[in-house]
Amino acid sequence: MRRVHEFLFVRHRHNWLLLLRFAAVGVSGVLVNLLTLVVVKKLGPGFNEAIVGVPGTEFNVRWYHVYSTIAFLVANLWNFQLNRTWTFRTSKHARWWHEYWPFLAVGLLGQVIGLVLLTLLMHLDSPIHLSRSVFDDSTGFRTRLYWAQLIVIAVVTPISFVLNKLWTFAAVRTHHPDLADPSHVEAVLADETDETAEAAEAAGSADADRRAGAVPGRHDPLG
């Protein structure tokens, strides 16, 4: 039990801190996402209206897919900037676009998964659709789209955290030990120390050889 406690809360305490920061950013991102969704829903056509059919299926691309994607893009940019400057603290060590494109790629992957889930929650023939008797769109708190979007966010956020930690911000943190996990810092610093020691040893050997070669007649036989 002690080993489990040490493994979870000592060796990986920084991971928990990152997760808490990421969650805090995520909460603010949820608010941004939902606020954007409310605005575009009020400004645009009915969210359940079909735009174009998906070939070979009974499904349609509907306005709620568009609204959800717009909300995602706004919240994604918001989350990225906060994660870059606060959660992973890599803003001083990498170019903005160099980090944003993998963050956006991860987000788009999550959005694709989210759109599939959103469709299943909204489509009346889906086994997991939100009941219209409860979510009848009569008020904001009973709007199916808002609750479906919340469920999507709850499912996609953990996936995004893992992928962003392992890919988006990992490369920068690997080259900067002060940004690495505490459980990895010793290994990173040890590698750098070994490399420095090897370089110093090689330089010392080369310097010794030069001094030995500079002594005239040192290796000449006695005559």
C-alpha atoms as a PDB file:
ATOM      1  CA  MET A   1       0.000   0.000   0.000  1.00  0.00           C
ATOM      2  CA  ARG A   2       2.874   2.331   0.820  1.00  0.00           C
ATOM      3  CA  ARG A   3       4.463   1.661  -2.546  1.00  0.00           C
ATOM      4  CA  VAL A   4       1.195   2.422  -4.299  1.00  0.00           C
ATOM      5  CA  HIS A   5       0.880   5.678  -2.372  1.00  0.00           C
ATOM      6  CA  GLU A   6       4.478   6.637  -3.212  1.00  0.00           C
ATOM      7  CA  PHE A   7       3.999   5.749  -6.880  1.00  0.00           C
ATOM      8  CA  LEU A   8       0.784   7.764  -7.214  1.00  0.00           C
ATOM      9  CA  PHE A   9       1.382  10.758  -4.988  1.00  0.00           C
ATOM     10  CA  VAL A  10       5.167  11.146  -4.775  1.00  0.00           C
ATOM     11  CA  ARG A  11       6.707  10.073  -8.045  1.00  0.00           C
ATOM     12  CA  HIS A  12       3.762  11.403 -10.071  1.00  0.00           C
ATOM     13  CA  ARG A  13       2.681  14.350  -7.976  1.00  0.00           C
ATOM     14  CA  HIS A  14       3.594  16.698 -10.814  1.00  0.00           C
ATOM     15  CA  ASN A  15       1.294  14.773 -13.138  1.00  0.00           C
ATOM     16  CA  TRP A  16      -1.550  15.361 -10.682  1.00  0.00           C
ATOM     17  CA  LEU A  17      -0.682  19.055 -10.597  1.00  0.00           C
ATOM     18  CA  LEU A  18      -0.703  19.194 -14.385  1.00  0.00           C
ATOM     19  CA  LEU A  19      -4.037  17.415 -14.453  1.00  0.00           C
ATOM     20  CA  LEU A  20      -5.531  19.888 -11.966  1.00  0.00           C
ATOM     21  CA  ARG A  21      -4.263  22.839 -13.967  1.00  0.00           C
ATOM     22  CA  PHE A  22      -5.478  21.276 -17.177  1.00  0.00           C
ATOM     23  CA  ALA A  23      -8.867  20.681 -15.560  1.00  0.00           C
ATOM     24  CA  ALA A  24      -9.054  24.314 -14.401  1.00  0.00           C
ATOM     25  CA  VAL A  25      -8.271  25.488 -17.904  1.00  0.00           C
ATOM     26  CA  GLY A  26     -10.794  22.969 -19.184  1.00  0.00           C
ATOM     27  CA  VAL A  27     -13.513  24.382 -16.929  1.00  0.00           C
ATOM     28  CA  SER A  28     -12.912  27.853 -18.296  1.00  0.00           C
ATOM     29  CA  GLY A  29     -12.864  26.330 -21.791  1.00  0.00           C
ATOM     30  CA  VAL A  30     -16.240  24.703 -21.137  1.00  0.00           C
ATOM     31  CA  LEU A  31     -17.691  28.099 -20.285  1.00  0.00           C
ATOM     32  CA  VAL A  32     -16.165  29.623 -23.423  1.00  0.00           C
ATOM     33  CA  ASN A  33     -17.409  26.666 -25.489  1.00  0.00           C
ATOM     34  CA  LEU A  34     -20.975  26.896 -24.182  1.00  0.00           C
ATOM     35  CA  LEU A  35     -21.095  30.683 -24.402  1.00  0.00           C
ATOM     36  CA  THR A  36     -19.979  30.515 -28.028  1.00  0.00           C
ATOM     37  CA  LEU A  37     -22.516  27.762 -28.689  1.00  0.00           C
ATOM     38  CA  VAL A  38     -25.332  29.868 -27.211  1.00  0.00           C
ATOM     39  CA  VAL A  39     -24.346  32.899 -29.304  1.00  0.00           C
ATOM     40  CA  VAL A  40     -24.076  31.079 -32.651  1.00  0.00           C
ATOM     41  CA  LYS A  41     -27.288  29.141 -31.929  1.00  0.00           C
ATOM     42  CA  LYS A  42     -29.183  32.387 -31.369  1.00  0.00           C
ATOM     43  CA  LEU A  43     -27.689  34.035 -34.453  1.00  0.00           C
ATOM     44  CA  GLY A  44     -28.042  31.091 -36.849  1.00  0.00           C
ATOM     45  CA  PRO A  45     -30.806  28.851 -38.210  1.00  0.00           C
ATOM     46  CA  GLY A  46     -32.520  26.188 -36.094  1.00  0.00           C
ATOM     47  CA  PHE A  47     -29.844  23.854 -34.759  1.00  0.00           C
ATOM     48  CA  ASN A  48     -31.687  20.694 -35.859  1.00  0.00           C
ATOM     49  CA  GLU A  49     -32.179  21.776 -39.466  1.00  0.00           C
ATOM     50  CA  ALA A  50     -30.371  19.627 -42.032  1.00  0.00           C
ATOM     51  CA  ILE A  51     -27.733  21.208 -44.262  1.00  0.00           C
ATOM     52  CA  VAL A  52     -26.624  18.305 -46.451  1.00  0.00           C
ATOM     53  CA  GLY A  53     -27.082  14.554 -46.366  1.00  0.00           C
ATOM     54  CA  VAL A  54     -24.228  12.162 -45.656  1.00  0.00           C
ATOM     55  CA  PRO A  55     -23.948   9.919 -48.762  1.00  0.00           C
ATOM     56  CA  GLY A  56     -24.877   6.298 -48.188  1.00  0.00           C
ATOM     57  CA  THR A  57     -26.434   6.916 -44.776  1.00  0.00           C
ATOM     58  CA  GLU A  58     -29.657   8.228 -43.279  1.00  0.00           C
ATOM     59  CA  PHE A  59     -27.738  10.914 -41.416  1.00  0.00           C
ATOM     60  CA  ASN A  60     -27.425  14.594 -42.276  1.00  0.00           C
ATOM     61  CA  VAL A  61     -24.954  17.292 -41.447  1.00  0.00           C
ATOM     62  CA  ARG A  62     -27.055  19.628 -39.346  1.00  0.00           C
ATOM     63  CA  TRP A  63     -26.539  23.095 -38.002  1.00  0.00           C
ATOM     64  CA  TYR A  64     -25.715  21.778 -34.537  1.00  0.00           C
ATOM     65  CA  HIS A  65     -22.631  20.118 -36.073  1.00  0.00           C
ATOM     66  CA  VAL A  66     -21.545  23.516 -37.402  1.00  0.00           C
ATOM     67  CA  TYR A  67     -22.314  25.300 -34.133  1.00  0.00           C
ATOM     68  CA  SER A  68     -20.438  22.678 -32.142  1.00  0.00           C
ATOM     69  CA  THR A  69     -17.394  22.989 -34.412  1.00  0.00           C
ATOM     70  CA  ILE A  70     -17.344  26.796 -34.162  1.00  0.00           C
ATOM     71  CA  ALA A  71     -17.587  26.539 -30.374  1.00  0.00           C
ATOM     72  CA  PHE A  72     -14.770  23.984 -30.394  1.00  0.00           C
ATOM     73  CA  LEU A  73     -12.438  26.210 -32.450  1.00  0.00           C
ATOM     74  CA  VAL A  74     -12.938  29.202 -30.147  1.00  0.00           C
ATOM     75  CA  ALA A  75     -12.525  27.125 -26.975  1.00  0.00           C
ATOM     76  CA  ASN A  76      -9.560  25.244 -28.459  1.00  0.00           C
ATOM     77  CA  LEU A  77      -7.665  28.488 -29.037  1.00  0.00           C
ATOM     78  CA  TRP A  78      -8.561  29.680 -25.538  1.00  0.00           C
ATOM     79  CA  ASN A  79      -7.440  26.425 -23.926  1.00  0.00           C
ATOM     80  CA  PHE A  80      -4.217  26.308 -25.916  1.00  0.00           C
ATOM     81  CA  GLN A  81      -3.092  29.745 -24.857  1.00  0.00           C
ATOM     82  CA  LEU A  82      -3.790  29.061 -21.175  1.00  0.00           C
ATOM     83  CA  ASN A  83      -2.157  25.608 -21.294  1.00  0.00           C
ATOM     84  CA  ARG A  84       0.869  27.034 -23.066  1.00  0.00           C
ATOM     85  CA  THR A  85       1.419  29.877 -20.599  1.00  0.00           C
ATOM     86  CA  TRP A  86       0.216  28.258 -17.354  1.00  0.00           C
ATOM     87  CA  THR A  87      -0.371  24.479 -17.373  1.00  0.00           C
ATOM     88  CA  PHE A  88       2.746  23.307 -19.236  1.00  0.00           C
ATOM     89  CA  ARG A  89       4.611  26.649 -19.225  1.00  0.00           C
ATOM     90  CA  THR A  90       6.253  26.243 -22.606  1.00  0.00           C
ATOM     91  CA  SER A  91       5.555  29.722 -24.022  1.00  0.00           C
ATOM     92  CA  LYS A  92       9.195  30.814 -23.602  1.00  0.00           C
ATOM     93  CA  HIS A  93      10.667  27.674 -25.128  1.00  0.00           C
ATOM     94  CA  ALA A  94       8.765  27.076 -28.379  1.00  0.00           C
ATOM     95  CA  ARG A  95       7.202  29.045 -31.181  1.00  0.00           C
ATOM     96  CA  TRP A  96       3.467  29.602 -30.984  1.00  0.00           C
ATOM     97  CA  TRP A  97       2.549  27.858 -34.237  1.00  0.00           C
ATOM     98  CA  HIS A  98       5.025  25.037 -33.634  1.00  0.00           C
ATOM     99  CA  GLU A  99       2.966  24.010 -30.612  1.00  0.00           C
ATOM    100  CA  TYR A 100      -0.479  25.094 -31.813  1.00  0.00           C
ATOM    101  CA  TRP A 101      -0.734  22.874 -34.875  1.00  0.00           C
ATOM    102  CA  PRO A 102      -0.362  19.584 -32.908  1.00  0.00           C
ATOM    103  CA  PHE A 103      -2.711  20.991 -30.237  1.00  0.00           C
ATOM    104  CA  LEU A 104      -5.210  21.796 -32.979  1.00  0.00           C
ATOM    105  CA  ALA A 105      -4.703  18.355 -34.548  1.00  0.00           C
ATOM    106  CA  VAL A 106      -5.404  16.681 -31.198  1.00  0.00           C
ATOM    107  CA  GLY A 107      -8.435  18.906 -30.767  1.00  0.00           C
ATOM    108  CA  LEU A 108      -9.747  18.085 -34.232  1.00  0.00           C
ATOM    109  CA  LEU A 109      -9.382  14.381 -33.514  1.00  0.00           C
ATOM    110  CA  GLY A 110     -11.342  14.889 -30.323  1.00  0.00           C
ATOM    111  CA  GLN A 111     -13.911  16.974 -32.190  1.00  0.00           C
ATOM    112  CA  VAL A 112     -14.487  14.194 -34.722  1.00  0.00           C
ATOM    113  CA  ILE A 113     -15.106  11.766 -31.853  1.00  0.00           C
ATOM    114  CA  GLY A 114     -17.265  14.405 -30.221  1.00  0.00           C
ATOM    115  CA  LEU A 115     -19.372  14.978 -33.329  1.00  0.00           C
ATOM    116  CA  VAL A 116     -20.085  11.262 -33.581  1.00  0.00           C
ATOM    117  CA  LEU A 117     -21.143  11.198 -29.931  1.00  0.00           C
ATOM    118  CA  LEU A 118     -23.112  14.421 -30.371  1.00  0.00           C
ATOM    119  CA  THR A 119     -25.015  12.885 -33.285  1.00  0.00           C
ATOM    120  CA  LEU A 120     -25.831   9.791 -31.234  1.00  0.00           C
ATOM    121  CA  LEU A 121     -27.102  11.950 -28.395  1.00  0.00           C
ATOM    122  CA  MET A 122     -29.202  14.140 -30.660  1.00  0.00           C
ATOM    123  CA  HIS A 123     -30.553  11.611 -33.192  1.00  0.00           C
ATOM    124  CA  LEU A 124     -33.937  10.286 -32.070  1.00  0.00           C
ATOM    125  CA  ASP A 125     -33.278   6.806 -33.483  1.00  0.00           C
ATOM    126  CA  SER A 126     -30.064   6.432 -31.493  1.00  0.00           C
ATOM    127  CA  PRO A 127     -30.182   4.103 -28.458  1.00  0.00           C
ATOM    128  CA  ILE A 128     -28.446   6.756 -26.343  1.00  0.00           C
ATOM    129  CA  HIS A 129     -30.333   9.840 -27.533  1.00  0.00           C
ATOM    130  CA  LEU A 130     -31.388  12.413 -24.974  1.00  0.00           C
ATOM    131  CA  SER A 131     -35.109  12.132 -24.263  1.00  0.00           C
ATOM    132  CA  ARG A 132     -37.184  14.933 -25.770  1.00  0.00           C
ATOM    133  CA  SER A 133     -39.696  14.593 -22.956  1.00  0.00           C
ATOM    134  CA  VAL A 134     -37.029  15.822 -20.549  1.00  0.00           C
ATOM    135  CA  PHE A 135     -34.910  17.952 -22.865  1.00  0.00           C
ATOM    136  CA  ASP A 136     -37.723  19.615 -24.815  1.00  0.00           C
ATOM    137  CA  ASP A 137     -35.788  22.808 -25.677  1.00  0.00           C
ATOM    138  CA  SER A 138     -38.350  24.901 -23.814  1.00  0.00           C
ATOM    139  CA  THR A 139     -35.654  26.680 -21.789  1.00  0.00           C
ATOM    140  CA  GLY A 140     -31.898  26.992 -21.842  1.00  0.00           C
ATOM    141  CA  PHE A 141     -31.541  24.417 -19.068  1.00  0.00           C
ATOM    142  CA  ARG A 142     -33.684  21.939 -20.989  1.00  0.00           C
ATOM    143  CA  THR A 143     -32.013  22.411 -24.364  1.00  0.00           C
ATOM    144  CA  ARG A 144     -30.801  19.076 -25.708  1.00  0.00           C
ATOM    145  CA  LEU A 145     -27.912  20.599 -27.620  1.00  0.00           C
ATOM    146  CA  TYR A 146     -26.390  22.194 -24.524  1.00  0.00           C
ATOM    147  CA  TRP A 147     -26.524  18.994 -22.468  1.00  0.00           C
ATOM    148  CA  ALA A 148     -25.255  16.907 -25.367  1.00  0.00           C
ATOM    149  CA  GLN A 149     -22.336  19.306 -25.764  1.00  0.00           C
ATOM    150  CA  LEU A 150     -21.522  19.019 -22.056  1.00  0.00           C
ATOM    151  CA  ILE A 151     -21.469  15.236 -22.287  1.00  0.00           C
ATOM    152  CA  VAL A 152     -19.201  15.409 -25.323  1.00  0.00           C
ATOM    153  CA  ILE A 153     -16.782  17.712 -23.494  1.00  0.00           C
ATOM    154  CA  ALA A 154     -16.702  15.394 -20.470  1.00  0.00           C
ATOM    155  CA  VAL A 155     -15.809  12.426 -22.691  1.00  0.00           C
ATOM    156  CA  VAL A 156     -13.284  14.135 -24.958  1.00  0.00           C
ATOM    157  CA  THR A 157     -11.351  16.185 -22.353  1.00  0.00           C
ATOM    158  CA  PRO A 158      -9.425  13.247 -20.744  1.00  0.00           C
ATOM    159  CA  ILE A 159      -8.416  12.020 -24.203  1.00  0.00           C
ATOM    160  CA  SER A 160      -7.180  15.495 -25.133  1.00  0.00           C
ATOM    161  CA  PHE A 161      -5.197  15.802 -21.900  1.00  0.00           C
ATOM    162  CA  VAL A 162      -3.302  12.554 -22.448  1.00  0.00           C
ATOM    163  CA  LEU A 163      -2.541  13.275 -26.117  1.00  0.00           C
ATOM    164  CA  ASN A 164      -1.449  16.864 -25.457  1.00  0.00           C
ATOM    165  CA  LYS A 165       0.790  15.841 -22.561  1.00  0.00           C
ATOM    166  CA  LEU A 166       2.424  13.035 -24.558  1.00  0.00           C
ATOM    167  CA  TRP A 167       2.752  14.900 -27.852  1.00  0.00           C
ATOM    168  CA  THR A 168       1.964  18.621 -28.036  1.00  0.00           C
ATOM    169  CA  PHE A 169       4.009  19.891 -25.082  1.00  0.00           C
ATOM    170  CA  ALA A 170       6.242  16.859 -24.450  1.00  0.00           C
ATOM    171  CA  ALA A 171       8.960  17.729 -26.980  1.00  0.00           C
ATOM    172  CA  VAL A 172       9.558  21.153 -25.466  1.00  0.00           C
ATOM    173  CA  ARG A 173       9.562  19.856 -21.886  1.00  0.00           C
ATOM    174  CA  THR A 174      12.012  17.072 -22.799  1.00  0.00           C
ATOM    175  CA  HIS A 175      14.629  19.623 -23.879  1.00  0.00           C
ATOM    176  CA  HIS A 176      14.082  21.775 -20.794  1.00  0.00           C
ATOM    177  CA  PRO A 177      14.582  19.839 -17.530  1.00  0.00           C
ATOM    178  CA  ASP A 178      12.965  22.609 -15.495  1.00  0.00           C
ATOM    179  CA  LEU A 179       9.697  21.861 -17.291  1.00  0.00           C
ATOM    180  CA  ALA A 180       9.913  18.089 -16.956  1.00  0.00           C
ATOM    181  CA  ASP A 181       8.030  15.917 -14.476  1.00  0.00           C
ATOM    182  CA  PRO A 182       9.873  15.606 -11.134  1.00  0.00           C
ATOM    183  CA  SER A 183       9.937  11.850 -11.612  1.00  0.00           C
ATOM    184  CA  HIS A 184      11.896  12.387 -14.816  1.00  0.00           C
ATOM    185  CA  VAL A 185      14.096  15.315 -13.843  1.00  0.00           C
ATOM    186  CA  GLU A 186      16.816  13.192 -12.235  1.00  0.00           C
ATOM    187  CA  ALA A 187      17.080  11.021 -15.322  1.00  0.00           C
ATOM    188  CA  VAL A 188      17.264  14.039 -17.614  1.00  0.00           C
ATOM    189  CA  LEU A 189      19.886  15.763 -15.499  1.00  0.00           C
ATOM    190  CA  ALA A 190      21.840  12.503 -15.110  1.00  0.00           C
ATOM    191  CA  ASP A 191      22.002  12.122 -18.877  1.00  0.00           C
ATOM    192  CA  GLU A 192      23.263  15.672 -19.238  1.00  0.00           C
ATOM    193  CA  THR A 193      25.851  15.116 -16.449  1.00  0.00           C
ATOM    194  CA  ASP A 194      27.113  11.932 -18.120  1.00  0.00           C
ATOM    195  CA  GLU A 195      27.441  13.711 -21.436  1.00  0.00           C
ATOM    196  CA  THR A 196      29.335  16.603 -19.800  1.00  0.00           C
ATOM    197  CA  ALA A 197      31.650  14.201 -17.963  1.00  0.00           C
ATOM    198  CA  GLU A 198      32.406  12.256 -21.131  1.00  0.00           C
ATOM    199  CA  ALA A 199      33.155  15.465 -23.020  1.00  0.00           C
ATOM    200  CA  ALA A 200      35.453  16.679 -20.222  1.00  0.00           C
ATOM    201  CA  GLU A 201      37.259  13.331 -20.095  1.00  0.00           C
ATOM    202  CA  ALA A 202      37.782  13.344 -23.853  1.00  0.00           C
ATOM    203  CA  ALA A 203      39.091  16.912 -23.727  1.00  0.00           C
ATOM    204  CA  GLY A 204      41.450  16.016 -20.860  1.00  0.00           C
ATOM    205  CA  SER A 205      42.830  13.023 -22.748  1.00  0.00           C
ATOM    206  CA  ALA A 206      43.412  15.084 -25.858  1.00  0.00           C
ATOM    207  CA  ASP A 207      45.170  17.784 -23.821  1.00  0.00           C
ATOM    208  CA  ALA A 208      47.402  15.184 -22.127  1.00  0.00           C
ATOM    209  CA  ASP A 209      48.381  13.727 -25.508  1.00  0.00           C
ATOM    210  CA  ARG A 210      49.307  17.176 -26.783  1.00  0.00           C
ATOM    211  CA  ARG A 211      51.499  17.866 -23.753  1.00  0.00           C
ATOM    212  CA  ALA A 212      53.233  14.503 -24.095  1.00  0.00           C
ATOM    213  CA  GLY A 213      53.933  15.108 -27.747  1.00  0.00           C
ATOM    214  CA  ALA A 214      55.335  18.553 -26.975  1.00  0.00           C
ATOM    215  CA  VAL A 215      58.325  17.133 -24.897  1.00  0.00           C
ATOM    216  CA  PRO A 216      61.215  16.724 -27.359  1.00  0.00           C
ATOM    217  CA  GLY A 217      63.045  13.408 -27.382  1.00  0.00           C
ATOM    218  CA  ARG A 218      60.844  11.958 -24.641  1.00  0.00           C
ATOM    219  CA  HIS A 219      60.340   8.697 -26.495  1.00  0.00           C
ATOM    220  CA  ASP A 220      63.750   8.631 -28.231  1.00  0.00           C
ATOM    221  CA  PRO A 221      66.022   5.664 -27.369  1.00  0.00           C
ATOM    222  CA  LEU A 222      69.265   6.412 -25.453  1.00  0.00           C
ATOM    223  CA  GLY A 223      72.264   6.473 -27.774  1.00  0.00           C
END
